[in-house]
Structure formats: C-alpha cells, structure tokens
Amino acid sequence: MEIKVKYPTTENFTKFGTIVVPSFKESPATFSENHNYWHNVADISQLGEEGTVGFLEIKRKEREFTLDKIERHKYALETFIPTSGVGIFCLAPATPDKNVPDISSIEAFWIDGTASFFLAPGVWHWLPFTLTPEMKFILLLKKSTVEKDLEIVDLPEKVKIVLTK
C-alpha cells in the first residue's frame, strides 16, 4: 500500500480533529498595523469549558524596538506557541498590588521556535517584536480573556530593546 502526503486543510482533517491554518475568512478579533489576532479558532472544550485557541500573526513593518505599552491578564494564563519566525518577547513579573510593572523588572527573551511560553496569570507582556518578516503563534487562553481580562497600560517611560548575543 502507498499513501500520498498532502497538506492538511480544514476539510480533509475533520475526521482527525481540528487544525488551525492561517487563512481565516472571519475578521480578526484584534488588529493593528503590526498584527492580526483571531480568537476561538479551535474547539478544546474537552479540556474544560473555559479554554480556547487563538492564532496570532505579527508583521515586521517599521516597528521600532521600543516598549511603551504592556498588558496583562490577571485571572488566566496565556500560552504562546511559536509556529514560524524569530523575534523578541518582553515580559515583567506579575504585580498583583500595582497597576503597572516596575520597568526595571522587564526582561527580553529570544523567540526562535525552540520554546513555548506559558505565562502565569498577571504576567505583564506585549506583542512580540519580530526580526523576520513575520511571526506566527498558536495561543491557548480562556475564552473570556479578550473581552473581560485584558488590561493594557502605558509604561511610565519607554524601554529600548538592545539586540545582543
């Protein structure tokens, strides 16, 4: 017997489960000139009623390597699973009693596909900076995160990201 290898599509994969492919007919749930984010793109209800899958696409464009905003989700973890591209992820520890992180606690991490990022509730983060023309991620989070648990703040001063080895 022989079988031919094919690219998975929503149609030909149905009998095996769900796949997430970056060609969504719906408008993104959030977007900017640098990113598109589709929420609730796969059913993971067998893991519980609250979980969902998102797809994040980030374009390089003319974005400076400067962090001036940051966000957190106080009540739920968020997972970033890179599927393509190389970039930088800026994070700060959770600050339950503060409305903004201490900028001296912000750290920058390389993203190159060798690790996935499971952020604990309350961890501050911002849209990763891409070094390649684009980056793509699968996100795991609560269904209600975008509508009910998204806090975005301006940093008290800009943080410049320095690229070193």
N, C-alpha and C. Protein backbone atom coordinates (compact mmCIF):
# COMPACT_ATOMS: atom_id res chain seq x y z
N MET A 1 0.84 -1.19 0.00
CA MET A 1 0.00 0.00 0.00
C MET A 1 0.88 1.24 0.00
N GLU A 2 0.41 2.26 -0.66
CA GLU A 2 1.09 3.54 -0.68
C GLU A 2 0.09 4.62 -0.30
N ILE A 3 0.59 5.64 0.34
CA ILE A 3 -0.25 6.81 0.61
C ILE A 3 0.53 8.05 0.18
N LYS A 4 -0.18 9.03 -0.30
CA LYS A 4 0.43 10.29 -0.71
C LYS A 4 0.34 11.30 0.41
N VAL A 5 1.40 12.05 0.58
CA VAL A 5 1.44 13.11 1.59
C VAL A 5 0.69 14.32 1.04
N LYS A 6 -0.15 14.92 1.88
CA LYS A 6 -0.91 16.10 1.45
C LYS A 6 -0.84 17.17 2.53
N TYR A 7 -1.08 18.37 2.14
CA TYR A 7 -1.17 19.45 3.11
C TYR A 7 -2.51 19.35 3.83
N PRO A 8 -2.51 19.53 5.16
CA PRO A 8 -3.80 19.48 5.86
C PRO A 8 -4.63 20.72 5.59
N THR A 9 -5.92 20.51 5.43
CA THR A 9 -6.87 21.61 5.28
C THR A 9 -7.99 21.38 6.28
N THR A 10 -8.79 22.41 6.50
CA THR A 10 -9.93 22.26 7.41
C THR A 10 -10.82 21.11 6.96
N GLU A 11 -11.01 20.98 5.66
CA GLU A 11 -11.90 19.94 5.13
C GLU A 11 -11.30 18.54 5.27
N ASN A 12 -10.04 18.34 4.86
CA ASN A 12 -9.51 16.98 4.85
C ASN A 12 -9.03 16.49 6.21
N PHE A 13 -9.04 17.34 7.21
CA PHE A 13 -8.58 16.95 8.55
C PHE A 13 -9.72 16.71 9.52
N THR A 14 -10.95 17.01 9.15
CA THR A 14 -12.11 16.95 10.05
C THR A 14 -12.23 15.63 10.79
N LYS A 15 -12.01 14.51 10.12
CA LYS A 15 -12.18 13.21 10.79
C LYS A 15 -11.10 12.92 11.83
N PHE A 16 -10.06 13.76 11.88
CA PHE A 16 -8.98 13.57 12.86
C PHE A 16 -9.04 14.55 14.02
N GLY A 17 -9.79 15.62 13.85
CA GLY A 17 -9.86 16.66 14.88
C GLY A 17 -9.93 18.03 14.21
N THR A 18 -9.21 18.99 14.79
CA THR A 18 -9.23 20.37 14.29
C THR A 18 -7.81 20.80 13.99
N ILE A 19 -7.63 21.51 12.89
CA ILE A 19 -6.34 22.14 12.63
C ILE A 19 -6.55 23.64 12.58
N VAL A 20 -5.50 24.36 12.86
CA VAL A 20 -5.55 25.82 12.78
C VAL A 20 -4.63 26.21 11.62
N VAL A 21 -5.22 26.79 10.60
CA VAL A 21 -4.45 27.23 9.43
C VAL A 21 -4.62 28.75 9.29
N PRO A 22 -3.59 29.44 8.86
CA PRO A 22 -3.62 30.90 8.85
C PRO A 22 -4.37 31.54 7.69
N SER A 23 -5.54 31.02 7.37
CA SER A 23 -6.33 31.59 6.29
C SER A 23 -7.77 31.70 6.77
N PHE A 24 -8.03 32.68 7.62
CA PHE A 24 -9.34 32.80 8.25
C PHE A 24 -10.24 33.72 7.45
N LYS A 25 -11.47 33.29 7.23
CA LYS A 25 -12.44 34.10 6.49
C LYS A 25 -13.02 35.21 7.37
N GLU A 26 -13.04 34.98 8.69
CA GLU A 26 -13.59 35.97 9.61
C GLU A 26 -12.57 37.11 9.82
N SER A 27 -13.08 38.25 10.22
CA SER A 27 -12.19 39.36 10.57
C SER A 27 -11.49 39.05 11.88
N PRO A 28 -10.28 39.56 12.08
CA PRO A 28 -9.58 39.33 13.34
C PRO A 28 -10.33 39.95 14.52
N ALA A 29 -10.17 39.35 15.71
CA ALA A 29 -10.78 39.90 16.93
C ALA A 29 -10.08 41.19 17.35
N THR A 30 -8.75 41.22 17.19
CA THR A 30 -7.98 42.44 17.43
C THR A 30 -6.96 42.56 16.31
N PHE A 31 -6.57 43.80 16.01
CA PHE A 31 -5.59 44.01 14.95
C PHE A 31 -4.98 45.40 15.09
N SER A 32 -3.83 45.55 14.47
CA SER A 32 -3.17 46.85 14.34
C SER A 32 -2.39 46.79 13.04
N GLU A 33 -1.60 47.82 12.77
CA GLU A 33 -0.79 47.76 11.55
C GLU A 33 0.27 46.67 11.64
N ASN A 34 0.57 46.19 12.86
CA ASN A 34 1.61 45.18 13.04
C ASN A 34 1.09 43.77 13.29
N HIS A 35 -0.19 43.61 13.61
CA HIS A 35 -0.64 42.26 13.96
C HIS A 35 -2.10 42.02 13.61
N ASN A 36 -2.44 40.74 13.50
CA ASN A 36 -3.82 40.27 13.40
C ASN A 36 -3.96 39.14 14.41
N TYR A 37 -5.08 39.11 15.14
CA TYR A 37 -5.31 38.04 16.12
C TYR A 37 -6.73 37.52 15.97
N TRP A 38 -6.84 36.21 15.71
CA TRP A 38 -8.14 35.55 15.63
C TRP A 38 -8.35 34.76 16.90
N HIS A 39 -9.50 34.95 17.53
CA HIS A 39 -9.82 34.34 18.82
C HIS A 39 -10.75 33.15 18.60
N ASN A 40 -10.61 32.12 19.45
CA ASN A 40 -11.52 30.97 19.45
C ASN A 40 -11.51 30.25 18.10
N VAL A 41 -10.31 29.88 17.61
CA VAL A 41 -10.20 29.27 16.29
C VAL A 41 -10.24 27.74 16.31
N ALA A 42 -10.25 27.14 17.48
CA ALA A 42 -10.35 25.68 17.58
C ALA A 42 -11.10 25.33 18.85
N ASP A 43 -11.77 24.20 18.83
CA ASP A 43 -12.55 23.74 19.97
C ASP A 43 -11.69 22.82 20.84
N ILE A 44 -11.40 23.27 22.05
CA ILE A 44 -10.67 22.42 23.01
C ILE A 44 -11.52 22.19 24.25
N SER A 45 -12.83 22.16 24.06
CA SER A 45 -13.77 22.05 25.18
C SER A 45 -13.59 20.76 25.98
N GLN A 46 -12.97 19.75 25.41
CA GLN A 46 -12.72 18.54 26.18
C GLN A 46 -11.74 18.79 27.32
N LEU A 47 -11.01 19.89 27.25
CA LEU A 47 -10.11 20.26 28.34
C LEU A 47 -10.82 21.10 29.39
N GLY A 48 -12.08 21.38 29.17
CA GLY A 48 -12.85 22.22 30.08
C GLY A 48 -13.57 23.29 29.28
N GLU A 49 -14.57 23.88 29.89
CA GLU A 49 -15.42 24.85 29.20
C GLU A 49 -14.72 26.18 28.90
N GLU A 50 -13.68 26.51 29.63
CA GLU A 50 -13.10 27.84 29.55
C GLU A 50 -12.02 28.03 28.49
N GLY A 51 -11.37 26.95 28.05
CA GLY A 51 -10.22 27.10 27.16
C GLY A 51 -10.58 27.39 25.72
N THR A 52 -9.69 28.10 25.04
CA THR A 52 -9.84 28.33 23.61
C THR A 52 -8.46 28.46 22.98
N VAL A 53 -8.46 28.46 21.66
CA VAL A 53 -7.23 28.58 20.89
C VAL A 53 -7.31 29.84 20.05
N GLY A 54 -6.23 30.58 20.00
CA GLY A 54 -6.15 31.77 19.16
C GLY A 54 -5.00 31.63 18.18
N PHE A 55 -5.00 32.45 17.17
CA PHE A 55 -3.92 32.48 16.19
C PHE A 55 -3.44 33.92 16.06
N LEU A 56 -2.15 34.15 16.29
CA LEU A 56 -1.55 35.48 16.25
C LEU A 56 -0.55 35.55 15.11
N GLU A 57 -0.69 36.58 14.29
CA GLU A 57 0.20 36.83 13.17
C GLU A 57 0.77 38.23 13.36
N ILE A 58 2.10 38.35 13.35
CA ILE A 58 2.76 39.64 13.56
C ILE A 58 3.61 39.95 12.33
N LYS A 59 3.46 41.16 11.80
CA LYS A 59 4.24 41.60 10.64
C LYS A 59 5.37 42.52 11.10
N ARG A 60 6.49 42.45 10.44
CA ARG A 60 7.67 43.25 10.82
C ARG A 60 7.42 44.74 10.63
N LYS A 61 7.02 45.17 9.47
CA LYS A 61 6.78 46.58 9.15
C LYS A 61 7.92 47.47 9.64
N GLU A 62 7.63 48.67 10.08
CA GLU A 62 8.65 49.64 10.52
C GLU A 62 8.58 49.85 12.04
N ARG A 63 8.38 48.82 12.77
CA ARG A 63 8.22 48.91 14.22
C ARG A 63 9.57 49.07 14.91
N GLU A 64 9.70 50.10 15.73
CA GLU A 64 10.93 50.30 16.49
C GLU A 64 11.01 49.28 17.63
N PHE A 65 12.21 48.96 18.04
CA PHE A 65 12.42 48.04 19.16
C PHE A 65 12.35 48.82 20.48
N THR A 66 11.18 49.40 20.72
CA THR A 66 10.92 50.19 21.91
C THR A 66 9.59 49.75 22.50
N LEU A 67 9.61 49.50 23.79
CA LEU A 67 8.40 49.08 24.50
C LEU A 67 7.82 50.29 25.23
N ASP A 68 6.58 50.67 24.88
CA ASP A 68 5.95 51.80 25.55
C ASP A 68 4.60 51.44 26.18
N LYS A 69 4.10 50.25 25.86
CA LYS A 69 2.86 49.73 26.44
C LYS A 69 3.11 48.31 26.91
N ILE A 70 2.21 47.83 27.76
CA ILE A 70 2.33 46.45 28.24
C ILE A 70 0.93 46.01 28.69
N GLU A 71 0.69 44.72 28.67
CA GLU A 71 -0.62 44.20 29.05
C GLU A 71 -0.49 43.02 29.99
N ARG A 72 -1.62 42.71 30.63
CA ARG A 72 -1.68 41.51 31.48
C ARG A 72 -3.09 40.97 31.49
N HIS A 73 -3.18 39.72 31.91
CA HIS A 73 -4.45 39.05 32.12
C HIS A 73 -4.39 38.55 33.57
N LYS A 74 -5.10 39.21 34.48
CA LYS A 74 -4.99 38.93 35.91
C LYS A 74 -5.48 37.55 36.31
N TYR A 75 -6.46 37.02 35.57
CA TYR A 75 -7.16 35.83 36.05
C TYR A 75 -6.89 34.55 35.27
N ALA A 76 -6.03 34.60 34.28
CA ALA A 76 -5.81 33.40 33.48
C ALA A 76 -4.40 33.36 32.89
N LEU A 77 -3.93 32.15 32.68
CA LEU A 77 -2.66 32.00 31.98
C LEU A 77 -2.88 32.25 30.50
N GLU A 78 -1.80 32.51 29.79
CA GLU A 78 -1.84 32.63 28.34
C GLU A 78 -0.59 31.93 27.81
N THR A 79 -0.77 31.12 26.79
CA THR A 79 0.33 30.35 26.22
C THR A 79 0.60 30.81 24.80
N PHE A 80 1.87 31.06 24.50
CA PHE A 80 2.32 31.43 23.16
C PHE A 80 3.15 30.28 22.62
N ILE A 81 2.69 29.66 21.54
CA ILE A 81 3.40 28.56 20.90
C ILE A 81 3.83 29.05 19.52
N PRO A 82 5.12 29.36 19.34
CA PRO A 82 5.56 29.89 18.04
C PRO A 82 5.51 28.80 16.96
N THR A 83 5.02 29.18 15.78
CA THR A 83 4.99 28.24 14.66
C THR A 83 5.90 28.69 13.52
N SER A 84 6.25 29.98 13.48
CA SER A 84 7.21 30.45 12.48
C SER A 84 7.75 31.81 12.90
N GLY A 85 8.96 32.09 12.41
CA GLY A 85 9.57 33.38 12.65
C GLY A 85 10.49 33.42 13.85
N VAL A 86 11.23 34.53 13.95
CA VAL A 86 12.18 34.76 15.04
C VAL A 86 11.92 36.17 15.56
N GLY A 87 11.99 36.32 16.90
CA GLY A 87 11.74 37.63 17.46
C GLY A 87 12.10 37.74 18.93
N ILE A 88 11.49 38.71 19.59
CA ILE A 88 11.80 39.05 20.97
C ILE A 88 10.49 39.21 21.73
N PHE A 89 10.46 38.65 22.95
CA PHE A 89 9.28 38.71 23.80
C PHE A 89 9.66 39.42 25.08
N CYS A 90 9.00 40.54 25.39
CA CYS A 90 9.27 41.31 26.60
C CYS A 90 8.25 40.95 27.67
N LEU A 91 8.75 40.62 28.86
CA LEU A 91 7.91 40.18 29.97
C LEU A 91 8.34 40.86 31.26
N ALA A 92 7.37 41.03 32.16
CA ALA A 92 7.65 41.50 33.53
C ALA A 92 6.83 40.63 34.48
N PRO A 93 7.36 40.37 35.68
CA PRO A 93 6.62 39.55 36.65
C PRO A 93 5.27 40.18 37.02
N ALA A 94 4.35 39.34 37.43
CA ALA A 94 3.05 39.80 37.90
C ALA A 94 3.22 40.76 39.08
N THR A 95 2.37 41.77 39.12
CA THR A 95 2.37 42.74 40.22
C THR A 95 0.93 42.89 40.71
N PRO A 96 0.46 41.96 41.54
CA PRO A 96 -0.96 41.97 41.95
C PRO A 96 -1.41 43.27 42.61
N ASP A 97 -0.51 43.97 43.30
CA ASP A 97 -0.90 45.17 44.03
C ASP A 97 -0.56 46.47 43.29
N LYS A 98 -0.12 46.35 42.03
CA LYS A 98 0.24 47.54 41.26
C LYS A 98 -0.46 47.53 39.92
N ASN A 99 -0.70 48.73 39.38
CA ASN A 99 -1.37 48.86 38.10
C ASN A 99 -0.42 48.95 36.92
N VAL A 100 0.87 48.90 37.20
CA VAL A 100 1.89 48.94 36.15
C VAL A 100 3.13 48.23 36.70
N PRO A 101 3.88 47.53 35.86
CA PRO A 101 5.07 46.86 36.38
C PRO A 101 6.21 47.85 36.62
N ASP A 102 7.14 47.45 37.46
CA ASP A 102 8.38 48.20 37.65
C ASP A 102 9.18 48.00 36.36
N ILE A 103 9.52 49.07 35.65
CA ILE A 103 10.20 48.89 34.36
C ILE A 103 11.55 48.20 34.51
N SER A 104 12.17 48.29 35.68
CA SER A 104 13.46 47.61 35.87
C SER A 104 13.29 46.09 35.95
N SER A 105 12.05 45.61 36.06
CA SER A 105 11.82 44.17 36.14
C SER A 105 11.54 43.56 34.76
N ILE A 106 11.46 44.38 33.73
CA ILE A 106 11.15 43.88 32.38
C ILE A 106 12.38 43.17 31.80
N GLU A 107 12.14 42.00 31.22
CA GLU A 107 13.19 41.23 30.58
C GLU A 107 12.78 40.90 29.16
N ALA A 108 13.78 40.75 28.26
CA ALA A 108 13.52 40.41 26.86
C ALA A 108 14.08 39.02 26.57
N PHE A 109 13.29 38.19 25.90
CA PHE A 109 13.68 36.83 25.58
C PHE A 109 13.62 36.59 24.07
N TRP A 110 14.60 35.83 23.56
CA TRP A 110 14.59 35.43 22.16
C TRP A 110 13.46 34.43 21.93
N ILE A 111 12.79 34.55 20.80
CA ILE A 111 11.81 33.56 20.35
C ILE A 111 12.34 33.02 19.02
N ASP A 112 12.62 31.72 18.98
CA ASP A 112 13.13 31.14 17.74
C ASP A 112 12.49 29.78 17.43
N GLY A 113 11.40 29.45 18.12
CA GLY A 113 10.72 28.19 17.87
C GLY A 113 11.21 27.05 18.74
N THR A 114 12.24 27.29 19.56
CA THR A 114 12.77 26.21 20.40
C THR A 114 12.04 26.11 21.74
N ALA A 115 11.18 27.07 22.05
CA ALA A 115 10.45 27.05 23.31
C ALA A 115 9.07 27.66 23.13
N SER A 116 8.12 27.19 23.92
CA SER A 116 6.80 27.80 24.01
C SER A 116 6.73 28.52 25.35
N PHE A 117 5.85 29.52 25.45
CA PHE A 117 5.80 30.38 26.62
C PHE A 117 4.44 30.26 27.29
N PHE A 118 4.41 29.72 28.49
CA PHE A 118 3.19 29.59 29.29
C PHE A 118 3.25 30.67 30.36
N LEU A 119 2.54 31.78 30.17
CA LEU A 119 2.60 32.91 31.07
C LEU A 119 1.59 32.73 32.20
N ALA A 120 2.06 32.86 33.43
CA ALA A 120 1.20 32.74 34.61
C ALA A 120 0.24 33.93 34.64
N PRO A 121 -0.91 33.78 35.33
CA PRO A 121 -1.83 34.91 35.45
C PRO A 121 -1.13 36.15 35.99
N GLY A 122 -1.42 37.30 35.39
CA GLY A 122 -0.87 38.56 35.86
C GLY A 122 0.48 38.94 35.28
N VAL A 123 1.15 38.05 34.57
CA VAL A 123 2.45 38.37 33.98
C VAL A 123 2.25 39.43 32.90
N TRP A 124 3.05 40.47 32.98
CA TRP A 124 2.99 41.57 32.01
C TRP A 124 3.73 41.15 30.74
N HIS A 125 3.17 41.50 29.59
CA HIS A 125 3.79 41.18 28.31
C HIS A 125 3.26 42.13 27.24
N TRP A 126 3.90 42.10 26.10
CA TRP A 126 3.42 42.89 24.98
C TRP A 126 3.64 42.09 23.70
N LEU A 127 3.00 42.53 22.65
CA LEU A 127 3.12 41.89 21.34
C LEU A 127 4.60 41.67 21.02
N PRO A 128 5.00 40.42 20.75
CA PRO A 128 6.41 40.18 20.43
C PRO A 128 6.89 41.03 19.26
N PHE A 129 8.17 41.36 19.30
CA PHE A 129 8.83 42.10 18.22
C PHE A 129 9.41 41.06 17.27
N THR A 130 9.06 41.14 16.00
CA THR A 130 9.56 40.16 15.04
C THR A 130 10.82 40.67 14.34
N LEU A 131 11.79 39.78 14.19
CA LEU A 131 13.02 40.10 13.46
C LEU A 131 12.93 39.60 12.03
N THR A 132 12.09 38.61 11.80
CA THR A 132 11.85 38.09 10.46
C THR A 132 10.65 38.84 9.88
N PRO A 133 10.36 38.70 8.58
CA PRO A 133 9.24 39.45 8.02
C PRO A 133 7.92 39.24 8.75
N GLU A 134 7.72 38.05 9.32
CA GLU A 134 6.52 37.81 10.12
C GLU A 134 6.77 36.70 11.13
N MET A 135 5.92 36.66 12.14
CA MET A 135 5.92 35.58 13.13
C MET A 135 4.48 35.10 13.27
N LYS A 136 4.34 33.81 13.59
CA LYS A 136 3.01 33.26 13.82
C LYS A 136 3.03 32.43 15.08
N PHE A 137 1.92 32.49 15.83
CA PHE A 137 1.80 31.78 17.10
C PHE A 137 0.42 31.14 17.21
N ILE A 138 0.36 30.01 17.87
CA ILE A 138 -0.88 29.47 18.39
C ILE A 138 -0.94 29.95 19.84
N LEU A 139 -2.09 30.49 20.25
CA LEU A 139 -2.28 30.94 21.63
C LEU A 139 -3.31 30.05 22.31
N LEU A 140 -3.07 29.71 23.56
CA LEU A 140 -4.05 28.99 24.39
C LEU A 140 -4.41 29.93 25.53
N LEU A 141 -5.71 30.15 25.74
CA LEU A 141 -6.16 31.07 26.77
C LEU A 141 -7.63 30.82 27.08
N LYS A 142 -8.16 31.53 28.06
CA LYS A 142 -9.59 31.43 28.38
C LYS A 142 -10.41 32.15 27.33
N LYS A 143 -11.60 31.63 27.06
CA LYS A 143 -12.49 32.25 26.07
C LYS A 143 -12.80 33.70 26.41
N SER A 144 -12.91 34.02 27.69
CA SER A 144 -13.31 35.37 28.11
C SER A 144 -12.14 36.36 28.21
N THR A 145 -10.93 35.94 27.92
CA THR A 145 -9.76 36.80 28.13
C THR A 145 -9.84 38.11 27.36
N VAL A 146 -10.11 38.06 26.08
CA VAL A 146 -10.10 39.27 25.26
C VAL A 146 -11.16 40.26 25.72
N GLU A 147 -12.33 39.75 26.08
CA GLU A 147 -13.44 40.65 26.46
C GLU A 147 -13.39 41.09 27.92
N LYS A 148 -12.91 40.23 28.83
CA LYS A 148 -13.06 40.52 30.26
C LYS A 148 -11.76 40.58 31.07
N ASP A 149 -10.63 40.17 30.50
CA ASP A 149 -9.42 40.09 31.30
C ASP A 149 -8.20 40.61 30.54
N LEU A 150 -8.37 41.75 29.89
CA LEU A 150 -7.30 42.36 29.13
C LEU A 150 -7.07 43.77 29.66
N GLU A 151 -5.92 43.97 30.28
CA GLU A 151 -5.57 45.28 30.84
C GLU A 151 -4.30 45.78 30.13
N ILE A 152 -4.43 46.88 29.40
CA ILE A 152 -3.30 47.48 28.68
C ILE A 152 -2.97 48.81 29.34
N VAL A 153 -1.68 49.02 29.62
CA VAL A 153 -1.26 50.28 30.26
C VAL A 153 -0.06 50.87 29.51
N ASP A 154 0.10 52.19 29.63
CA ASP A 154 1.29 52.86 29.13
C ASP A 154 2.37 52.74 30.18
N LEU A 155 3.59 52.48 29.74
CA LEU A 155 4.72 52.45 30.68
C LEU A 155 5.10 53.88 31.05
N PRO A 156 5.63 54.09 32.27
CA PRO A 156 6.00 55.45 32.69
C PRO A 156 7.12 56.05 31.84
N GLU A 157 7.94 55.19 31.24
CA GLU A 157 8.95 55.65 30.29
C GLU A 157 9.19 54.54 29.27
N LYS A 158 9.67 54.92 28.09
CA LYS A 158 9.93 53.94 27.04
C LYS A 158 11.13 53.08 27.40
N VAL A 159 11.05 51.81 27.01
CA VAL A 159 12.14 50.86 27.25
C VAL A 159 12.70 50.45 25.88
N LYS A 160 13.97 50.76 25.64
CA LYS A 160 14.61 50.41 24.38
C LYS A 160 15.15 48.98 24.48
N ILE A 161 14.90 48.19 23.46
CA ILE A 161 15.34 46.81 23.42
C ILE A 161 16.66 46.77 22.65
N VAL A 162 17.69 46.22 23.29
CA VAL A 162 19.02 46.16 22.69
C VAL A 162 19.26 44.73 22.21
N LEU A 163 19.61 44.60 20.95
CA LEU A 163 19.86 43.29 20.36
C LEU A 163 21.33 42.91 20.55
N THR A 164 21.56 41.89 21.37
CA THR A 164 22.91 41.38 21.60
C THR A 164 22.86 39.87 21.64
N LYS A 165 24.00 39.26 21.54
CA LYS A 165 24.06 37.80 21.65
C LYS A 165 24.42 37.39 23.04
